[in-house]
C-alpha atoms as a PDB file:
ATOM      1  CA  MET A   1      12.264  -5.574  -3.483  1.00  0.00           C
ATOM      2  CA  ILE A   2      11.746  -5.320  -7.225  1.00  0.00           C
ATOM      3  CA  ARG A   3      13.229  -2.195  -8.812  1.00  0.00           C
ATOM      4  CA  PHE A   4      11.278  -0.639 -11.684  1.00  0.00           C
ATOM      5  CA  PHE A   5      11.870   3.083 -11.181  1.00  0.00           C
ATOM      6  CA  ASP A   6      15.004   5.097 -10.419  1.00  0.00           C
ATOM      7  CA  THR A   7      13.165   6.812  -7.566  1.00  0.00           C
ATOM      8  CA  GLY A   8      12.305   3.615  -5.731  1.00  0.00           C
ATOM      9  CA  SER A   9      10.811   0.189  -6.070  1.00  0.00           C
ATOM     10  CA  LEU A  10       7.404  -0.758  -7.383  1.00  0.00           C
ATOM     11  CA  LEU A  11       6.583  -2.805  -4.288  1.00  0.00           C
ATOM     12  CA  PHE A  12       7.102  -1.803  -0.715  1.00  0.00           C
ATOM     13  CA  PHE A  13       6.255  -3.287   2.628  1.00  0.00           C
ATOM     14  CA  GLN A  14       4.635  -1.831   5.741  1.00  0.00           C
ATOM     15  CA  GLU A  15       4.394  -3.276   9.205  1.00  0.00           C
ATOM     16  CA  ARG A  16       0.772  -3.304  10.372  1.00  0.00           C
ATOM     17  CA  VAL A  17      -1.042  -4.644  13.399  1.00  0.00           C
ATOM     18  CA  GLY A  18      -3.762  -7.167  12.662  1.00  0.00           C
ATOM     19  CA  ARG A  19      -6.247  -9.245  14.584  1.00  0.00           C
ATOM     20  CA  HIS A  20      -5.368  -9.863  18.222  1.00  0.00           C
ATOM     21  CA  LYS A  21      -2.680  -7.175  17.868  1.00  0.00           C
ATOM     22  CA  LYS A  22      -0.493  -9.560  15.878  1.00  0.00           C
ATOM     23  CA  PRO A  23       1.937  -7.672  13.591  1.00  0.00           C
ATOM     24  CA  PHE A  24       2.213  -8.575   9.913  1.00  0.00           C
ATOM     25  CA  THR A  25       3.919  -7.179   6.822  1.00  0.00           C
ATOM     26  CA  LEU A  26       1.556  -5.566   4.326  1.00  0.00           C
ATOM     27  CA  VAL A  27       2.575  -5.660   0.641  1.00  0.00           C
ATOM     28  CA  LYS A  28       1.722  -2.530  -1.364  1.00  0.00           C
ATOM     29  CA  PHE A  29       2.365  -0.956  -4.755  1.00  0.00           C
ATOM     30  CA  ARG A  30       4.227   2.336  -4.632  1.00  0.00           C
ATOM     31  CA  THR A  31       2.059   4.978  -6.305  1.00  0.00           C
ATOM     32  CA  MET A  32       3.861   8.087  -5.033  1.00  0.00           C
ATOM     33  CA  LYS A  33       7.445   9.310  -5.217  1.00  0.00           C
ATOM     34  CA  VAL A  34       9.724   8.092  -2.451  1.00  0.00           C
ATOM     35  CA  ASP A  35      10.383  11.567  -0.995  1.00  0.00           C
ATOM     36  CA  THR A  36       6.679  12.463  -0.627  1.00  0.00           C
ATOM     37  CA  ALA A  37       5.637  13.749   2.791  1.00  0.00           C
ATOM     38  CA  SER A  38       3.835  11.216   4.931  1.00  0.00           C
ATOM     39  CA  VAL A  39       0.203  12.291   4.503  1.00  0.00           C
ATOM     40  CA  ALA A  40      -2.947  10.467   3.485  1.00  0.00           C
ATOM     41  CA  SER A  41      -2.700   9.675  -0.230  1.00  0.00           C
ATOM     42  CA  HIS A  42      -5.838  11.690  -1.028  1.00  0.00           C
ATOM     43  CA  LEU A  43      -4.164  14.758   0.526  1.00  0.00           C
ATOM     44  CA  ALA A  44      -0.886  14.413  -1.395  1.00  0.00           C
ATOM     45  CA  SER A  45      -0.280  16.731  -4.325  1.00  0.00           C
ATOM     46  CA  SER A  46      -0.863  15.249  -7.776  1.00  0.00           C
ATOM     47  CA  SER A  47       2.785  15.975  -8.641  1.00  0.00           C
ATOM     48  CA  SER A  48       3.754  13.372  -6.009  1.00  0.00           C
ATOM     49  CA  ILE A  49       2.030  10.555  -7.904  1.00  0.00           C
ATOM     50  CA  ILE A  50       4.181   8.642 -10.382  1.00  0.00           C
ATOM     51  CA  LYS A  51       2.758   7.923 -13.853  1.00  0.00           C
ATOM     52  CA  PHE A  52       2.393   4.202 -13.276  1.00  0.00           C
ATOM     53  CA  GLY A  53       0.893   4.949  -9.855  1.00  0.00           C
ATOM     54  CA  ALA A  54      -1.801   7.106 -11.461  1.00  0.00           C
ATOM     55  CA  PHE A  55      -2.681   4.175 -13.739  1.00  0.00           C
ATOM     56  CA  LEU A  56      -2.801   1.780 -10.774  1.00  0.00           C
ATOM     57  CA  ARG A  57      -5.090   4.100  -8.832  1.00  0.00           C
ATOM     58  CA  ARG A  58      -7.361   4.832 -11.795  1.00  0.00           C
ATOM     59  CA  THR A  59      -7.851   1.110 -12.474  1.00  0.00           C
ATOM     60  CA  LYS A  60      -8.043   0.248  -8.738  1.00  0.00           C
ATOM     61  CA  LEU A  61      -5.142  -2.184  -9.185  1.00  0.00           C
ATOM     62  CA  ASP A  62      -3.155  -0.453  -6.438  1.00  0.00           C
ATOM     63  CA  GLU A  63      -4.834  -2.738  -3.880  1.00  0.00           C
ATOM     64  CA  LEU A  64      -3.931  -5.970  -5.693  1.00  0.00           C
ATOM     65  CA  PRO A  65      -0.741  -6.856  -3.741  1.00  0.00           C
ATOM     66  CA  GLN A  66      -2.748  -6.854  -0.517  1.00  0.00           C
ATOM     67  CA  LEU A  67      -4.594  -9.895  -1.839  1.00  0.00           C
ATOM     68  CA  TRP A  68      -1.455 -11.814  -0.848  1.00  0.00           C
ATOM     69  CA  ASN A  69      -2.077 -10.799   2.770  1.00  0.00           C
ATOM     70  CA  VAL A  70      -5.708 -11.937   2.448  1.00  0.00           C
ATOM     71  CA  LEU A  71      -4.644 -15.334   1.059  1.00  0.00           C
ATOM     72  CA  LYS A  72      -2.159 -15.724   3.936  1.00  0.00           C
ATOM     73  CA  GLY A  73      -4.989 -15.064   6.414  1.00  0.00           C
ATOM     74  CA  GLU A  74      -3.443 -11.848   7.783  1.00  0.00           C
ATOM     75  CA  MET A  75      -6.256  -9.633   6.455  1.00  0.00           C
ATOM     76  CA  SER A  76      -9.855 -10.104   5.412  1.00  0.00           C
ATOM     77  CA  LEU A  77     -11.696  -8.658   2.437  1.00  0.00           C
ATOM     78  CA  VAL A  78     -14.247  -7.041   4.758  1.00  0.00           C
ATOM     79  CA  GLY A  79     -14.039  -5.567   8.207  1.00  0.00           C
ATOM     80  CA  PRO A  80     -11.860  -2.943   9.852  1.00  0.00           C
ATOM     81  CA  ARG A  81      -8.698  -1.793   8.121  1.00  0.00           C
ATOM     82  CA  PRO A  82      -5.392  -3.000   9.608  1.00  0.00           C
ATOM     83  CA  GLY A  83      -4.246  -0.793  12.432  1.00  0.00           C
ATOM     84  CA  CYS A  84      -7.756   0.544  13.185  1.00  0.00           C
ATOM     85  CA  SER A  85      -9.111   0.066  16.651  1.00  0.00           C
ATOM     86  CA  GLY A  86     -12.279  -1.863  16.948  1.00  0.00           C
END
């Protein structure tokens, strides 16, 4: 992981289940503090969002690392989100 903030790293990884129930590691930018409760990001308090995370969300760049998963063929640009039944 790359460390940019004292409270955690800028990138983090999540295990997700993809097509044909094959697990893969999703790359994401951290936009919230490490100790934030595990809730949907739109339900988290604004005090949980780090300054750089607010910039990433405002500019929609928070999804950029997932492009790596698209290029590797683990995700597609359209279709159901990873982990969703369908």
